[in-house]
């Protein structure tokens, strides 16, 4: 793994999309997570800036673009800078 790539479960936790890294790993294993339209089932799969993640979250489908990798799980304001919500742009 290089500085420009990170495990998907760790990044999802950094981005505050899941409360714990283990919950993020379970979600990747148990649901239809996609990276750039390809289904992934391994939490160790790496992602890079520019990748598009698609995954179910409750009754909704989240579509986000990875903007930055991040170095830690920071406050919410910092976490929001790690991704761009593409589903919000499609909704109108």
PDB file of N, CA and C in Angstrom:
ATOM      1  N   UNK A   1       0.854  -1.188   0.000  1.00  0.00           N
ATOM      2  CA  UNK A   1       0.000   0.000   0.000  1.00  0.00           C
ATOM      3  C   UNK A   1       0.893   1.241   0.000  1.00  0.00           C
ATOM      4  N   UNK A   2       0.550   2.204  -0.807  1.00  0.00           N
ATOM      5  CA  UNK A   2       1.322   3.440  -0.896  1.00  0.00           C
ATOM      6  C   UNK A   2       0.576   4.558  -0.187  1.00  0.00           C
ATOM      7  N   UNK A   3       1.197   5.725  -0.146  1.00  0.00           N
ATOM      8  CA  UNK A   3       0.565   6.881   0.492  1.00  0.00           C
ATOM      9  C   UNK A   3      -0.680   7.333  -0.255  1.00  0.00           C
ATOM     10  N   UNK A   4      -0.784   6.980  -1.525  1.00  0.00           N
ATOM     11  CA  UNK A   4      -1.926   7.424  -2.319  1.00  0.00           C
ATOM     12  C   UNK A   4      -3.058   6.393  -2.341  1.00  0.00           C
ATOM     13  N   UNK A   5      -2.944   5.341  -1.536  1.00  0.00           N
ATOM     14  CA  UNK A   5      -3.988   4.318  -1.457  1.00  0.00           C
ATOM     15  C   UNK A   5      -4.201   3.941   0.008  1.00  0.00           C
ATOM     16  N   UNK A   6      -5.413   3.480   0.314  1.00  0.00           N
ATOM     17  CA  UNK A   6      -5.753   3.114   1.684  1.00  0.00           C
ATOM     18  C   UNK A   6      -6.814   2.017   1.649  1.00  0.00           C
ATOM     19  N   UNK A   7      -6.838   1.194   2.672  1.00  0.00           N
ATOM     20  CA  UNK A   7      -7.873   0.157   2.782  1.00  0.00           C
ATOM     21  C   UNK A   7      -9.245   0.816   2.851  1.00  0.00           C
ATOM     22  N   UNK A   8     -10.224   0.196   2.214  1.00  0.00           N
ATOM     23  CA  UNK A   8     -11.559   0.783   2.170  1.00  0.00           C
ATOM     24  C   UNK A   8     -12.192   0.863   3.556  1.00  0.00           C
ATOM     25  N   UNK A   9     -11.998  -0.162   4.407  1.00  0.00           N
ATOM     26  CA  UNK A   9     -12.616  -0.122   5.736  1.00  0.00           C
ATOM     27  C   UNK A   9     -12.036   1.001   6.587  1.00  0.00           C
ATOM     28  N   UNK A  10     -10.739   1.225   6.487  1.00  0.00           N
ATOM     29  CA  UNK A  10     -10.096   2.293   7.247  1.00  0.00           C
ATOM     30  C   UNK A  10     -10.559   3.663   6.749  1.00  0.00           C
ATOM     31  N   UNK A  11     -10.624   3.828   5.433  1.00  0.00           N
ATOM     32  CA  UNK A  11     -11.063   5.111   4.878  1.00  0.00           C
ATOM     33  C   UNK A  11     -12.512   5.416   5.250  1.00  0.00           C
ATOM     34  N   UNK A  12     -13.396   4.427   5.191  1.00  0.00           N
ATOM     35  CA  UNK A  12     -14.802   4.641   5.561  1.00  0.00           C
ATOM     36  C   UNK A  12     -14.911   5.094   7.012  1.00  0.00           C
ATOM     37  N   UNK A  13     -14.054   4.576   7.866  1.00  0.00           N
ATOM     38  CA  UNK A  13     -14.034   4.983   9.277  1.00  0.00           C
ATOM     39  C   UNK A  13     -13.470   6.399   9.406  1.00  0.00           C
ATOM     40  N   UNK A  14     -12.370   6.698   8.701  1.00  0.00           N
ATOM     41  CA  UNK A  14     -11.806   8.053   8.706  1.00  0.00           C
ATOM     42  C   UNK A  14     -12.837   9.074   8.250  1.00  0.00           C
ATOM     43  N   UNK A  15     -13.616   8.717   7.222  1.00  0.00           N
ATOM     44  CA  UNK A  15     -14.599   9.634   6.643  1.00  0.00           C
ATOM     45  C   UNK A  15     -15.876   9.725   7.480  1.00  0.00           C
ATOM     46  N   UNK A  16     -15.910   8.999   8.588  1.00  0.00           N
ATOM     47  CA  UNK A  16     -17.046   9.001   9.515  1.00  0.00           C
ATOM     48  C   UNK A  16     -18.345   8.534   8.865  1.00  0.00           C
ATOM     49  N   UNK A  17     -18.225   7.622   7.908  1.00  0.00           N
ATOM     50  CA  UNK A  17     -19.406   7.031   7.294  1.00  0.00           C
ATOM     51  C   UNK A  17     -19.879   5.823   8.100  1.00  0.00           C
ATOM     52  N   UNK A  18     -19.001   5.299   8.970  1.00  0.00           N
ATOM     53  CA  UNK A  18     -19.336   4.215   9.899  1.00  0.00           C
ATOM     54  C   UNK A  18     -18.731   4.543  11.257  1.00  0.00           C
ATOM     55  N   UNK A  19     -19.410   4.111  12.323  1.00  0.00           N
ATOM     56  CA  UNK A  19     -18.964   4.442  13.679  1.00  0.00           C
ATOM     57  C   UNK A  19     -17.696   3.712  14.085  1.00  0.00           C
ATOM     58  N   UNK A  20     -17.446   2.548  13.504  1.00  0.00           N
ATOM     59  CA  UNK A  20     -16.226   1.817  13.831  1.00  0.00           C
ATOM     60  C   UNK A  20     -15.668   1.163  12.575  1.00  0.00           C
ATOM     61  N   UNK A  21     -14.400   0.834  12.641  1.00  0.00           N
ATOM     62  CA  UNK A  21     -13.764   0.180  11.497  1.00  0.00           C
ATOM     63  C   UNK A  21     -14.335  -1.214  11.301  1.00  0.00           C
ATOM     64  N   UNK A  22     -14.672  -1.896  12.394  1.00  0.00           N
ATOM     65  CA  UNK A  22     -15.238  -3.240  12.266  1.00  0.00           C
ATOM     66  C   UNK A  22     -16.616  -3.201  11.607  1.00  0.00           C
ATOM     67  N   UNK A  23     -17.420  -2.174  11.895  1.00  0.00           N
ATOM     68  CA  UNK A  23     -18.716  -2.032  11.219  1.00  0.00           C
ATOM     69  C   UNK A  23     -18.521  -1.756   9.726  1.00  0.00           C
ATOM     70  N   UNK A  24     -17.522  -0.978   9.396  1.00  0.00           N
ATOM     71  CA  UNK A  24     -17.221  -0.713   7.987  1.00  0.00           C
ATOM     72  C   UNK A  24     -16.800  -1.999   7.283  1.00  0.00           C
ATOM     73  N   UNK A  25     -15.970  -2.800   7.947  1.00  0.00           N
ATOM     74  CA  UNK A  25     -15.520  -4.067   7.362  1.00  0.00           C
ATOM     75  C   UNK A  25     -16.691  -5.024   7.155  1.00  0.00           C
ATOM     76  N   UNK A  26     -17.594  -5.100   8.129  1.00  0.00           N
ATOM     77  CA  UNK A  26     -18.773  -5.964   7.998  1.00  0.00           C
ATOM     78  C   UNK A  26     -19.661  -5.506   6.851  1.00  0.00           C
ATOM     79  N   UNK A  27     -19.802  -4.207   6.685  1.00  0.00           N
ATOM     80  CA  UNK A  27     -20.627  -3.676   5.599  1.00  0.00           C
ATOM     81  C   UNK A  27     -20.028  -4.026   4.238  1.00  0.00           C
ATOM     82  N   UNK A  28     -18.717  -3.927   4.118  1.00  0.00           N
ATOM     83  CA  UNK A  28     -18.066  -4.257   2.846  1.00  0.00           C
ATOM     84  C   UNK A  28     -18.238  -5.745   2.544  1.00  0.00           C
ATOM     85  N   UNK A  29     -18.095  -6.588   3.561  1.00  0.00           N
ATOM     86  CA  UNK A  29     -18.237  -8.034   3.365  1.00  0.00           C
ATOM     87  C   UNK A  29     -19.677  -8.441   3.074  1.00  0.00           C
ATOM     88  N   UNK A  30     -20.633  -7.783   3.720  1.00  0.00           N
ATOM     89  CA  UNK A  30     -22.003  -8.262   3.683  1.00  0.00           C
ATOM     90  C   UNK A  30     -22.944  -7.577   2.724  1.00  0.00           C
ATOM     91  N   UNK A  31     -22.531  -6.498   2.088  1.00  0.00           N
ATOM     92  CA  UNK A  31     -23.427  -5.783   1.171  1.00  0.00           C
ATOM     93  C   UNK A  31     -22.773  -5.645  -0.193  1.00  0.00           C
ATOM     94  N   UNK A  32     -23.466  -5.048  -1.090  1.00  0.00           N
ATOM     95  CA  UNK A  32     -22.979  -4.885  -2.463  1.00  0.00           C
ATOM     96  C   UNK A  32     -22.183  -3.584  -2.595  1.00  0.00           C
ATOM     97  N   UNK A  33     -21.017  -3.555  -2.008  1.00  0.00           N
ATOM     98  CA  UNK A  33     -20.124  -2.403  -2.143  1.00  0.00           C
ATOM     99  C   UNK A  33     -19.512  -2.422  -3.533  1.00  0.00           C
ATOM    100  N   UNK A  34     -19.427  -1.264  -4.139  1.00  0.00           N
ATOM    101  CA  UNK A  34     -18.807  -1.153  -5.458  1.00  0.00           C
ATOM    102  C   UNK A  34     -17.760  -0.046  -5.437  1.00  0.00           C
ATOM    103  N   UNK A  35     -16.659  -0.333  -6.085  1.00  0.00           N
ATOM    104  CA  UNK A  35     -15.627   0.666  -6.327  1.00  0.00           C
ATOM    105  C   UNK A  35     -15.529   0.789  -7.840  1.00  0.00           C
ATOM    106  N   UNK A  36     -15.850   1.957  -8.350  1.00  0.00           N
ATOM    107  CA  UNK A  36     -15.832   2.187  -9.800  1.00  0.00           C
ATOM    108  C   UNK A  36     -16.637   1.123 -10.541  1.00  0.00           C
ATOM    109  N   UNK A  37     -17.827   0.832 -10.038  1.00  0.00           N
ATOM    110  CA  UNK A  37     -18.803  -0.100 -10.619  1.00  0.00           C
ATOM    111  C   UNK A  37     -18.420  -1.573 -10.499  1.00  0.00           C
ATOM    112  N   UNK A  38     -17.329  -1.897  -9.785  1.00  0.00           N
ATOM    113  CA  UNK A  38     -16.923  -3.289  -9.584  1.00  0.00           C
ATOM    114  C   UNK A  38     -17.235  -3.692  -8.150  1.00  0.00           C
ATOM    115  N   UNK A  39     -17.921  -4.816  -7.981  1.00  0.00           N
ATOM    116  CA  UNK A  39     -18.291  -5.292  -6.651  1.00  0.00           C
ATOM    117  C   UNK A  39     -17.038  -5.733  -5.903  1.00  0.00           C
ATOM    118  N   UNK A  40     -16.935  -5.317  -4.637  1.00  0.00           N
ATOM    119  CA  UNK A  40     -15.837  -5.749  -3.768  1.00  0.00           C
ATOM    120  C   UNK A  40     -16.426  -6.356  -2.505  1.00  0.00           C
ATOM    121  N   UNK A  41     -15.748  -7.350  -1.964  1.00  0.00           N
ATOM    122  CA  UNK A  41     -16.202  -7.998  -0.733  1.00  0.00           C
ATOM    123  C   UNK A  41     -15.097  -8.086   0.309  1.00  0.00           C
ATOM    124  N   UNK A  42     -13.938  -7.539   0.003  1.00  0.00           N
ATOM    125  CA  UNK A  42     -12.816  -7.597   0.938  1.00  0.00           C
ATOM    126  C   UNK A  42     -12.540  -6.214   1.519  1.00  0.00           C
ATOM    127  N   UNK A  43     -12.576  -6.100   2.853  1.00  0.00           N
ATOM    128  CA  UNK A  43     -12.280  -4.814   3.493  1.00  0.00           C
ATOM    129  C   UNK A  43     -10.848  -4.341   3.244  1.00  0.00           C
ATOM    130  N   UNK A  44      -9.977  -5.250   2.816  1.00  0.00           N
ATOM    131  CA  UNK A  44      -8.585  -4.878   2.556  1.00  0.00           C
ATOM    132  C   UNK A  44      -8.393  -4.265   1.169  1.00  0.00           C
ATOM    133  N   UNK A  45      -9.446  -4.214   0.374  1.00  0.00           N
ATOM    134  CA  UNK A  45      -9.371  -3.596  -0.962  1.00  0.00           C
ATOM    135  C   UNK A  45      -8.929  -2.143  -0.813  1.00  0.00           C
ATOM    136  N   UNK A  46      -7.997  -1.716  -1.647  1.00  0.00           N
ATOM    137  CA  UNK A  46      -7.502  -0.343  -1.545  1.00  0.00           C
ATOM    138  C   UNK A  46      -8.280   0.588  -2.469  1.00  0.00           C
ATOM    139  N   UNK A  47      -8.373   1.838  -2.037  1.00  0.00           N
ATOM    140  CA  UNK A  47      -9.014   2.882  -2.830  1.00  0.00           C
ATOM    141  C   UNK A  47      -8.055   4.057  -2.952  1.00  0.00           C
ATOM    142  N   UNK A  48      -8.305   4.884  -3.954  1.00  0.00           N
ATOM    143  CA  UNK A  48      -7.466   6.050  -4.235  1.00  0.00           C
ATOM    144  C   UNK A  48      -8.350   7.260  -4.510  1.00  0.00           C
ATOM    145  N   UNK A  49      -7.798   8.453  -4.419  1.00  0.00           N
ATOM    146  CA  UNK A  49      -8.576   9.632  -4.809  1.00  0.00           C
ATOM    147  C   UNK A  49      -9.071   9.485  -6.247  1.00  0.00           C
ATOM    148  N   UNK A  50     -10.322   9.859  -6.454  1.00  0.00           N
ATOM    149  CA  UNK A  50     -10.937   9.730  -7.769  1.00  0.00           C
ATOM    150  C   UNK A  50     -11.829   8.513  -7.892  1.00  0.00           C
ATOM    151  N   UNK A  51     -11.660   7.526  -6.998  1.00  0.00           N
ATOM    152  CA  UNK A  51     -12.523   6.342  -7.019  1.00  0.00           C
ATOM    153  C   UNK A  51     -13.935   6.724  -6.604  1.00  0.00           C
ATOM    154  N   UNK A  52     -14.920   6.058  -7.196  1.00  0.00           N
ATOM    155  CA  UNK A  52     -16.322   6.283  -6.858  1.00  0.00           C
ATOM    156  C   UNK A  52     -16.831   5.056  -6.117  1.00  0.00           C
ATOM    157  N   UNK A  53     -17.352   5.272  -4.907  1.00  0.00           N
ATOM    158  CA  UNK A  53     -17.893   4.195  -4.077  1.00  0.00           C
ATOM    159  C   UNK A  53     -19.409   4.246  -4.121  1.00  0.00           C
ATOM    160  N   UNK A  54     -20.026   3.093  -4.276  1.00  0.00           N
ATOM    161  CA  UNK A  54     -21.480   2.973  -4.269  1.00  0.00           C
ATOM    162  C   UNK A  54     -21.833   1.882  -3.277  1.00  0.00           C
ATOM    163  N   UNK A  55     -22.712   2.209  -2.317  1.00  0.00           N
ATOM    164  CA  UNK A  55     -23.086   1.222  -1.310  1.00  0.00           C
ATOM    165  C   UNK A  55     -24.428   1.578  -0.690  1.00  0.00           C
ATOM    166  N   UNK A  56     -25.162   0.547  -0.226  1.00  0.00           N
ATOM    167  CA  UNK A  56     -26.447   0.807   0.428  1.00  0.00           C
ATOM    168  C   UNK A  56     -26.236   1.332   1.840  1.00  0.00           C
ATOM    169  N   UNK A  57     -27.110   2.230   2.242  1.00  0.00           N
ATOM    170  CA  UNK A  57     -27.067   2.765   3.607  1.00  0.00           C
ATOM    171  C   UNK A  57     -28.507   3.002   4.035  1.00  0.00           C
ATOM    172  N   UNK A  58     -29.044   2.063   4.807  1.00  0.00           N
ATOM    173  CA  UNK A  58     -30.456   2.125   5.156  1.00  0.00           C
ATOM    174  C   UNK A  58     -31.287   1.895   3.912  1.00  0.00           C
ATOM    175  N   UNK A  59     -32.230   2.777   3.652  1.00  0.00           N
ATOM    176  CA  UNK A  59     -33.070   2.676   2.456  1.00  0.00           C
ATOM    177  C   UNK A  59     -32.485   3.424   1.265  1.00  0.00           C
ATOM    178  N   UNK A  60     -31.375   4.084   1.460  1.00  0.00           N
ATOM    179  CA  UNK A  60     -30.757   4.886   0.407  1.00  0.00           C
ATOM    180  C   UNK A  60     -29.539   4.183  -0.179  1.00  0.00           C
ATOM    181  N   UNK A  61     -29.092   4.686  -1.306  1.00  0.00           N
ATOM    182  CA  UNK A  61     -27.846   4.238  -1.915  1.00  0.00           C
ATOM    183  C   UNK A  61     -26.901   5.431  -1.920  1.00  0.00           C
ATOM    184  N   UNK A  62     -25.748   5.274  -1.304  1.00  0.00           N
ATOM    185  CA  UNK A  62     -24.741   6.335  -1.265  1.00  0.00           C
ATOM    186  C   UNK A  62     -23.819   6.195  -2.472  1.00  0.00           C
ATOM    187  N   UNK A  63     -23.565   7.304  -3.119  1.00  0.00           N
ATOM    188  CA  UNK A  63     -22.605   7.365  -4.218  1.00  0.00           C
ATOM    189  C   UNK A  63     -21.671   8.516  -3.887  1.00  0.00           C
ATOM    190  N   UNK A  64     -20.420   8.177  -3.582  1.00  0.00           N
ATOM    191  CA  UNK A  64     -19.460   9.197  -3.180  1.00  0.00           C
ATOM    192  C   UNK A  64     -18.165   9.046  -3.959  1.00  0.00           C
ATOM    193  N   UNK A  65     -17.495  10.161  -4.160  1.00  0.00           N
ATOM    194  CA  UNK A  65     -16.186  10.162  -4.800  1.00  0.00           C
ATOM    195  C   UNK A  65     -15.131  10.434  -3.741  1.00  0.00           C
ATOM    196  N   UNK A  66     -14.084   9.629  -3.740  1.00  0.00           N
ATOM    197  CA  UNK A  66     -12.973   9.822  -2.813  1.00  0.00           C
ATOM    198  C   UNK A  66     -12.169  11.025  -3.296  1.00  0.00           C
ATOM    199  N   UNK A  67     -12.046  12.045  -2.439  1.00  0.00           N
ATOM    200  CA  UNK A  67     -11.311  13.256  -2.792  1.00  0.00           C
ATOM    201  C   UNK A  67      -9.906  13.216  -2.200  1.00  0.00           C
ATOM    202  N   UNK A  68      -9.811  12.778  -0.936  1.00  0.00           N
ATOM    203  CA  UNK A  68      -8.522  12.689  -0.243  1.00  0.00           C
ATOM    204  C   UNK A  68      -8.461  11.379   0.527  1.00  0.00           C
ATOM    205  N   UNK A  69      -7.252  10.949   0.838  1.00  0.00           N
ATOM    206  CA  UNK A  69      -7.070   9.726   1.618  1.00  0.00           C
ATOM    207  C   UNK A  69      -7.279   9.993   3.102  1.00  0.00           C
ATOM    208  N   UNK A  70      -6.682  11.025   3.634  1.00  0.00           N
ATOM    209  CA  UNK A  70      -6.773  11.312   5.063  1.00  0.00           C
ATOM    210  C   UNK A  70      -5.699  10.561   5.834  1.00  0.00           C
ATOM    211  N   UNK A  71      -5.343  11.095   6.986  1.00  0.00           N
ATOM    212  CA  UNK A  71      -4.299  10.487   7.806  1.00  0.00           C
ATOM    213  C   UNK A  71      -4.809  10.052   9.169  1.00  0.00           C
ATOM    214  N   UNK A  72      -6.052  10.438   9.488  1.00  0.00           N
ATOM    215  CA  UNK A  72      -6.599  10.109  10.800  1.00  0.00           C
ATOM    216  C   UNK A  72      -8.113  10.260  10.774  1.00  0.00           C
ATOM    217  N   UNK A  73      -8.746   9.818  11.845  1.00  0.00           N
ATOM    218  CA  UNK A  73     -10.183  10.034  12.016  1.00  0.00           C
ATOM    219  C   UNK A  73     -10.339  11.345  12.773  1.00  0.00           C
ATOM    220  N   UNK A  74     -10.543  12.393  12.038  1.00  0.00           N
ATOM    221  CA  UNK A  74     -10.640  13.715  12.629  1.00  0.00           C
ATOM    222  C   UNK A  74     -12.074  14.116  12.896  1.00  0.00           C
ATOM    223  N   UNK A  75     -12.291  15.389  13.193  1.00  0.00           N
ATOM    224  CA  UNK A  75     -13.650  15.881  13.427  1.00  0.00           C
ATOM    225  C   UNK A  75     -14.480  15.821  12.145  1.00  0.00           C
ATOM    226  N   UNK A  76     -15.780  15.959  12.305  1.00  0.00           N
ATOM    227  CA  UNK A  76     -16.708  15.857  11.177  1.00  0.00           C
ATOM    228  C   UNK A  76     -16.346  16.820  10.052  1.00  0.00           C
ATOM    229  N   UNK A  77     -15.971  18.035  10.403  1.00  0.00           N
ATOM    230  CA  UNK A  77     -15.620  19.022   9.370  1.00  0.00           C
ATOM    231  C   UNK A  77     -14.433  18.547   8.530  1.00  0.00           C
ATOM    232  N   UNK A  78     -13.477  17.894   9.151  1.00  0.00           N
ATOM    233  CA  UNK A  78     -12.321  17.359   8.432  1.00  0.00           C
ATOM    234  C   UNK A  78     -12.722  16.137   7.599  1.00  0.00           C
ATOM    235  N   UNK A  79     -13.580  15.302   8.160  1.00  0.00           N
ATOM    236  CA  UNK A  79     -14.018  14.083   7.468  1.00  0.00           C
ATOM    237  C   UNK A  79     -14.801  14.405   6.200  1.00  0.00           C
ATOM    238  N   UNK A  80     -15.591  15.462   6.219  1.00  0.00           N
ATOM    239  CA  UNK A  80     -16.381  15.839   5.032  1.00  0.00           C
ATOM    240  C   UNK A  80     -15.502  16.224   3.852  1.00  0.00           C
ATOM    241  N   UNK A  81     -14.285  16.637   4.120  1.00  0.00           N
ATOM    242  CA  UNK A  81     -13.363  16.994   3.050  1.00  0.00           C
ATOM    243  C   UNK A  81     -12.738  15.801   2.352  1.00  0.00           C
ATOM    244  N   UNK A  82     -12.969  14.603   2.884  1.00  0.00           N
ATOM    245  CA  UNK A  82     -12.391  13.405   2.289  1.00  0.00           C
ATOM    246  C   UNK A  82     -13.190  12.887   1.100  1.00  0.00           C
ATOM    247  N   UNK A  83     -14.445  13.330   0.969  1.00  0.00           N
ATOM    248  CA  UNK A  83     -15.296  12.807  -0.105  1.00  0.00           C
ATOM    249  C   UNK A  83     -16.256  13.865  -0.622  1.00  0.00           C
ATOM    250  N   UNK A  84     -16.821  13.560  -1.788  1.00  0.00           N
ATOM    251  CA  UNK A  84     -17.854  14.404  -2.390  1.00  0.00           C
ATOM    252  C   UNK A  84     -19.058  13.515  -2.638  1.00  0.00           C
ATOM    253  N   UNK A  85     -20.224  13.926  -2.170  1.00  0.00           N
ATOM    254  CA  UNK A  85     -21.455  13.152  -2.309  1.00  0.00           C
ATOM    255  C   UNK A  85     -22.035  13.372  -3.700  1.00  0.00           C
ATOM    256  N   UNK A  86     -21.947  12.361  -4.541  1.00  0.00           N
ATOM    257  CA  UNK A  86     -22.442  12.476  -5.911  1.00  0.00           C
ATOM    258  C   UNK A  86     -23.946  12.267  -5.996  1.00  0.00           C
ATOM    259  N   UNK A  87     -24.527  11.526  -5.067  1.00  0.00           N
ATOM    260  CA  UNK A  87     -25.973  11.289  -5.070  1.00  0.00           C
ATOM    261  C   UNK A  87     -26.723  12.593  -4.822  1.00  0.00           C
ATOM    262  N   UNK A  88     -26.168  13.472  -4.002  1.00  0.00           N
ATOM    263  CA  UNK A  88     -26.814  14.756  -3.722  1.00  0.00           C
ATOM    264  C   UNK A  88     -26.851  15.624  -4.980  1.00  0.00           C
ATOM    265  N   UNK A  89     -25.814  15.528  -5.811  1.00  0.00           N
ATOM    266  CA  UNK A  89     -25.777  16.309  -7.051  1.00  0.00           C
ATOM    267  C   UNK A  89     -26.780  15.774  -8.064  1.00  0.00           C
ATOM    268  N   UNK A  90     -26.995  14.449  -8.076  1.00  0.00           N
ATOM    269  CA  UNK A  90     -27.947  13.843  -9.006  1.00  0.00           C
ATOM    270  C   UNK A  90     -29.384  14.148  -8.624  1.00  0.00           C
ATOM    271  N   UNK A  91     -29.643  14.344  -7.318  1.00  0.00           N
ATOM    272  CA  UNK A  91     -31.005  14.549  -6.832  1.00  0.00           C
ATOM    273  C   UNK A  91     -31.555  15.909  -7.247  1.00  0.00           C
ATOM    274  N   UNK A  92     -30.695  16.830  -7.543  1.00  0.00           N
ATOM    275  CA  UNK A  92     -31.224  18.091  -8.009  1.00  0.00           C
ATOM    276  C   UNK A  92     -30.532  19.236  -7.433  1.00  0.00           C
TER     277      UNK A  92
END
